[in-house]
C-alpha atoms as a PDB file:
ATOM      1  CA  UNK A   1    -124.728 -24.172  -0.546  1.00  0.00           C
ATOM      2  CA  UNK A   2    -122.881 -21.249   1.009  1.00  0.00           C
ATOM      3  CA  UNK A   3    -122.620 -17.960  -0.773  1.00  0.00           C
ATOM      4  CA  UNK A   4    -118.916 -17.510  -1.727  1.00  0.00           C
ATOM      5  CA  UNK A   5    -118.728 -13.992  -0.312  1.00  0.00           C
ATOM      6  CA  UNK A   6    -119.797 -15.217   3.130  1.00  0.00           C
ATOM      7  CA  UNK A   7    -116.943 -17.719   3.140  1.00  0.00           C
ATOM      8  CA  UNK A   8    -114.436 -15.036   2.151  1.00  0.00           C
ATOM      9  CA  UNK A   9    -115.864 -12.615   4.728  1.00  0.00           C
ATOM     10  CA  UNK A  10    -115.309 -15.284   7.422  1.00  0.00           C
ATOM     11  CA  UNK A  11    -111.786 -15.895   6.137  1.00  0.00           C
ATOM     12  CA  UNK A  12    -110.958 -12.164   6.199  1.00  0.00           C
ATOM     13  CA  UNK A  13    -112.387 -11.735   9.711  1.00  0.00           C
ATOM     14  CA  UNK A  14    -110.332 -14.682  10.992  1.00  0.00           C
ATOM     15  CA  UNK A  15    -107.231 -13.240   9.287  1.00  0.00           C
ATOM     16  CA  UNK A  16    -107.758  -9.873  10.966  1.00  0.00           C
ATOM     17  CA  UNK A  17    -108.378 -11.567  14.318  1.00  0.00           C
ATOM     18  CA  UNK A  18    -105.186 -13.571  13.698  1.00  0.00           C
ATOM     19  CA  UNK A  19    -107.160 -16.713  14.537  1.00  0.00           C
ATOM     20  CA  UNK A  20    -105.267 -19.415  12.656  1.00  0.00           C
ATOM     21  CA  UNK A  21    -107.680 -22.258  13.418  1.00  0.00           C
ATOM     22  CA  UNK A  22    -110.725 -20.264  12.325  1.00  0.00           C
ATOM     23  CA  UNK A  23    -108.871 -19.070   9.209  1.00  0.00           C
ATOM     24  CA  UNK A  24    -107.830 -22.613   8.263  1.00  0.00           C
ATOM     25  CA  UNK A  25    -111.424 -23.805   8.718  1.00  0.00           C
ATOM     26  CA  UNK A  26    -112.484 -21.658   5.747  1.00  0.00           C
ATOM     27  CA  UNK A  27    -110.208 -23.718   3.458  1.00  0.00           C
ATOM     28  CA  UNK A  28    -110.871 -27.212   2.105  1.00  0.00           C
ATOM     29  CA  UNK A  29    -108.551 -29.881   3.512  1.00  0.00           C
ATOM     30  CA  UNK A  30    -106.727 -30.163   0.162  1.00  0.00           C
ATOM     31  CA  UNK A  31    -106.915 -26.488  -0.842  1.00  0.00           C
ATOM     32  CA  UNK A  32    -104.040 -24.915  -2.743  1.00  0.00           C
ATOM     33  CA  UNK A  33    -102.499 -21.446  -2.544  1.00  0.00           C
ATOM     34  CA  UNK A  34    -100.482 -19.955  -5.395  1.00  0.00           C
ATOM     35  CA  UNK A  35     -98.657 -16.794  -6.368  1.00  0.00           C
ATOM     36  CA  UNK A  36     -99.991 -15.160  -9.527  1.00  0.00           C
ATOM     37  CA  UNK A  37     -97.042 -16.545 -11.512  1.00  0.00           C
ATOM     38  CA  UNK A  38     -98.190 -20.089 -10.710  1.00  0.00           C
ATOM     39  CA  UNK A  39     -95.730 -20.795  -7.894  1.00  0.00           C
ATOM     40  CA  UNK A  40     -97.325 -23.170  -5.381  1.00  0.00           C
ATOM     41  CA  UNK A  41     -97.246 -21.682  -1.868  1.00  0.00           C
ATOM     42  CA  UNK A  42     -99.090 -24.406   0.010  1.00  0.00           C
ATOM     43  CA  UNK A  43    -101.117 -27.554  -0.601  1.00  0.00           C
ATOM     44  CA  UNK A  44    -103.456 -28.568   2.189  1.00  0.00           C
ATOM     45  CA  UNK A  45    -104.173 -27.133   5.591  1.00  0.00           C
ATOM     46  CA  UNK A  46    -100.976 -28.443   7.215  1.00  0.00           C
ATOM     47  CA  UNK A  47     -98.764 -26.528   4.777  1.00  0.00           C
ATOM     48  CA  UNK A  48    -100.963 -23.438   5.068  1.00  0.00           C
ATOM     49  CA  UNK A  49    -100.720 -23.603   8.861  1.00  0.00           C
ATOM     50  CA  UNK A  50     -96.937 -23.890   8.690  1.00  0.00           C
ATOM     51  CA  UNK A  51     -96.730 -20.998   6.230  1.00  0.00           C
ATOM     52  CA  UNK A  52     -99.028 -18.682   8.215  1.00  0.00           C
ATOM     53  CA  UNK A  53     -98.180 -19.396  11.862  1.00  0.00           C
ATOM     54  CA  UNK A  54     -95.472 -16.693  12.126  1.00  0.00           C
ATOM     55  CA  UNK A  55     -97.556 -14.215  10.129  1.00  0.00           C
ATOM     56  CA  UNK A  56    -100.493 -14.598  12.505  1.00  0.00           C
ATOM     57  CA  UNK A  57     -98.178 -13.852  15.454  1.00  0.00           C
ATOM     58  CA  UNK A  58     -97.619 -10.350  14.008  1.00  0.00           C
ATOM     59  CA  UNK A  59     -99.716  -7.973  16.128  1.00  0.00           C
ATOM     60  CA  UNK A  60     -99.739  -5.425  13.279  1.00  0.00           C
ATOM     61  CA  UNK A  61    -101.248  -7.832  10.741  1.00  0.00           C
ATOM     62  CA  UNK A  62    -104.453  -6.442   9.263  1.00  0.00           C
ATOM     63  CA  UNK A  63    -106.099  -6.582   5.846  1.00  0.00           C
ATOM     64  CA  UNK A  64    -108.457  -3.904   4.590  1.00  0.00           C
ATOM     65  CA  UNK A  65    -110.813  -4.793   1.764  1.00  0.00           C
ATOM     66  CA  UNK A  66    -110.634  -2.069  -0.899  1.00  0.00           C
ATOM     67  CA  UNK A  67    -112.764  -3.626  -3.636  1.00  0.00           C
ATOM     68  CA  UNK A  68    -114.454  -6.933  -4.421  1.00  0.00           C
ATOM     69  CA  UNK A  69    -115.688  -8.610  -7.592  1.00  0.00           C
ATOM     70  CA  UNK A  70    -117.759 -11.798  -7.487  1.00  0.00           C
ATOM     71  CA  UNK A  71    -118.442 -14.013 -10.491  1.00  0.00           C
ATOM     72  CA  UNK A  72    -120.079 -17.315  -9.645  1.00  0.00           C
ATOM     73  CA  UNK A  73    -117.814 -19.241  -7.285  1.00  0.00           C
ATOM     74  CA  UNK A  74    -114.868 -16.869  -7.797  1.00  0.00           C
ATOM     75  CA  UNK A  75    -114.247 -13.928  -5.455  1.00  0.00           C
ATOM     76  CA  UNK A  76    -111.582 -11.355  -6.308  1.00  0.00           C
ATOM     77  CA  UNK A  77    -110.511  -9.079  -3.458  1.00  0.00           C
ATOM     78  CA  UNK A  78    -108.264  -6.028  -3.732  1.00  0.00           C
ATOM     79  CA  UNK A  79    -106.773  -5.542  -0.275  1.00  0.00           C
ATOM     80  CA  UNK A  80    -104.284  -3.418   1.598  1.00  0.00           C
ATOM     81  CA  UNK A  81    -102.336  -5.520   4.093  1.00  0.00           C
ATOM     82  CA  UNK A  82    -100.486  -3.903   6.972  1.00  0.00           C
ATOM     83  CA  UNK A  83     -97.768  -5.953   8.657  1.00  0.00           C
ATOM     84  CA  UNK A  84     -94.461  -5.768  10.454  1.00  0.00           C
ATOM     85  CA  UNK A  85     -91.350  -5.613   8.273  1.00  0.00           C
ATOM     86  CA  UNK A  86     -87.619  -5.395   9.040  1.00  0.00           C
ATOM     87  CA  UNK A  87     -87.732  -1.602   8.705  1.00  0.00           C
ATOM     88  CA  UNK A  88     -90.954  -1.119  10.686  1.00  0.00           C
ATOM     89  CA  UNK A  89     -94.601  -1.377   9.728  1.00  0.00           C
ATOM     90  CA  UNK A  90     -95.453  -1.573   6.025  1.00  0.00           C
ATOM     91  CA  UNK A  91     -98.573  -1.707   3.903  1.00  0.00           C
ATOM     92  CA  UNK A  92     -98.768  -3.607   0.643  1.00  0.00           C
ATOM     93  CA  UNK A  93    -101.580  -3.911  -1.849  1.00  0.00           C
ATOM     94  CA  UNK A  94    -102.553  -7.296  -3.118  1.00  0.00           C
ATOM     95  CA  UNK A  95    -105.139  -9.041  -5.240  1.00  0.00           C
ATOM     96  CA  UNK A  96    -106.556 -12.291  -3.902  1.00  0.00           C
ATOM     97  CA  UNK A  97    -108.510 -14.610  -6.189  1.00  0.00           C
ATOM     98  CA  UNK A  98    -110.491 -17.238  -4.291  1.00  0.00           C
ATOM     99  CA  UNK A  99    -112.440 -20.186  -5.708  1.00  0.00           C
ATOM    100  CA  UNK A 100    -115.121 -21.374  -3.294  1.00  0.00           C
ATOM    101  CA  UNK A 101    -116.915 -24.711  -3.608  1.00  0.00           C
ATOM    102  CA  UNK A 102    -119.163 -26.404  -1.079  1.00  0.00           C
ATOM    103  CA  UNK A 103    -118.685 -23.610   1.437  1.00  0.00           C
ATOM    104  CA  UNK A 104    -114.867 -23.848   1.454  1.00  0.00           C
ATOM    105  CA  UNK A 105    -112.003 -22.155  -0.351  1.00  0.00           C
ATOM    106  CA  UNK A 106    -110.450 -24.710  -2.705  1.00  0.00           C
ATOM    107  CA  UNK A 107    -107.928 -22.447  -4.409  1.00  0.00           C
ATOM    108  CA  UNK A 108    -106.410 -19.049  -3.643  1.00  0.00           C
ATOM    109  CA  UNK A 109    -104.070 -17.049  -5.852  1.00  0.00           C
ATOM    110  CA  UNK A 110    -102.227 -13.934  -4.684  1.00  0.00           C
ATOM    111  CA  UNK A 111    -100.597 -11.032  -6.513  1.00  0.00           C
ATOM    112  CA  UNK A 112     -98.602  -8.475  -4.518  1.00  0.00           C
ATOM    113  CA  UNK A 113     -98.132  -4.862  -5.522  1.00  0.00           C
END
């Protein structure tokens, strides 16, 4: 069994490299992504790929890990994400809650600050 933090470290590295295929490979085929209010963002890799393709084309995209908490198969990351915005480059803070099973992310929930 893979240690959950290793999976999330691989996911974060792929995100920062803007490597969509490598990033998707960290997720289970039927993984789900949600907003903190319960809104479904994507179900399965195909929807995640569609949702993230434009974001990964942003040359300013970068996430910095500020703090991490790990409890069993759940990893909670506090991150600062820098990205392009209509008015220029912006940074937003977010909390990402990942559930990792069998070496893959099965569920991710995001809260933006």
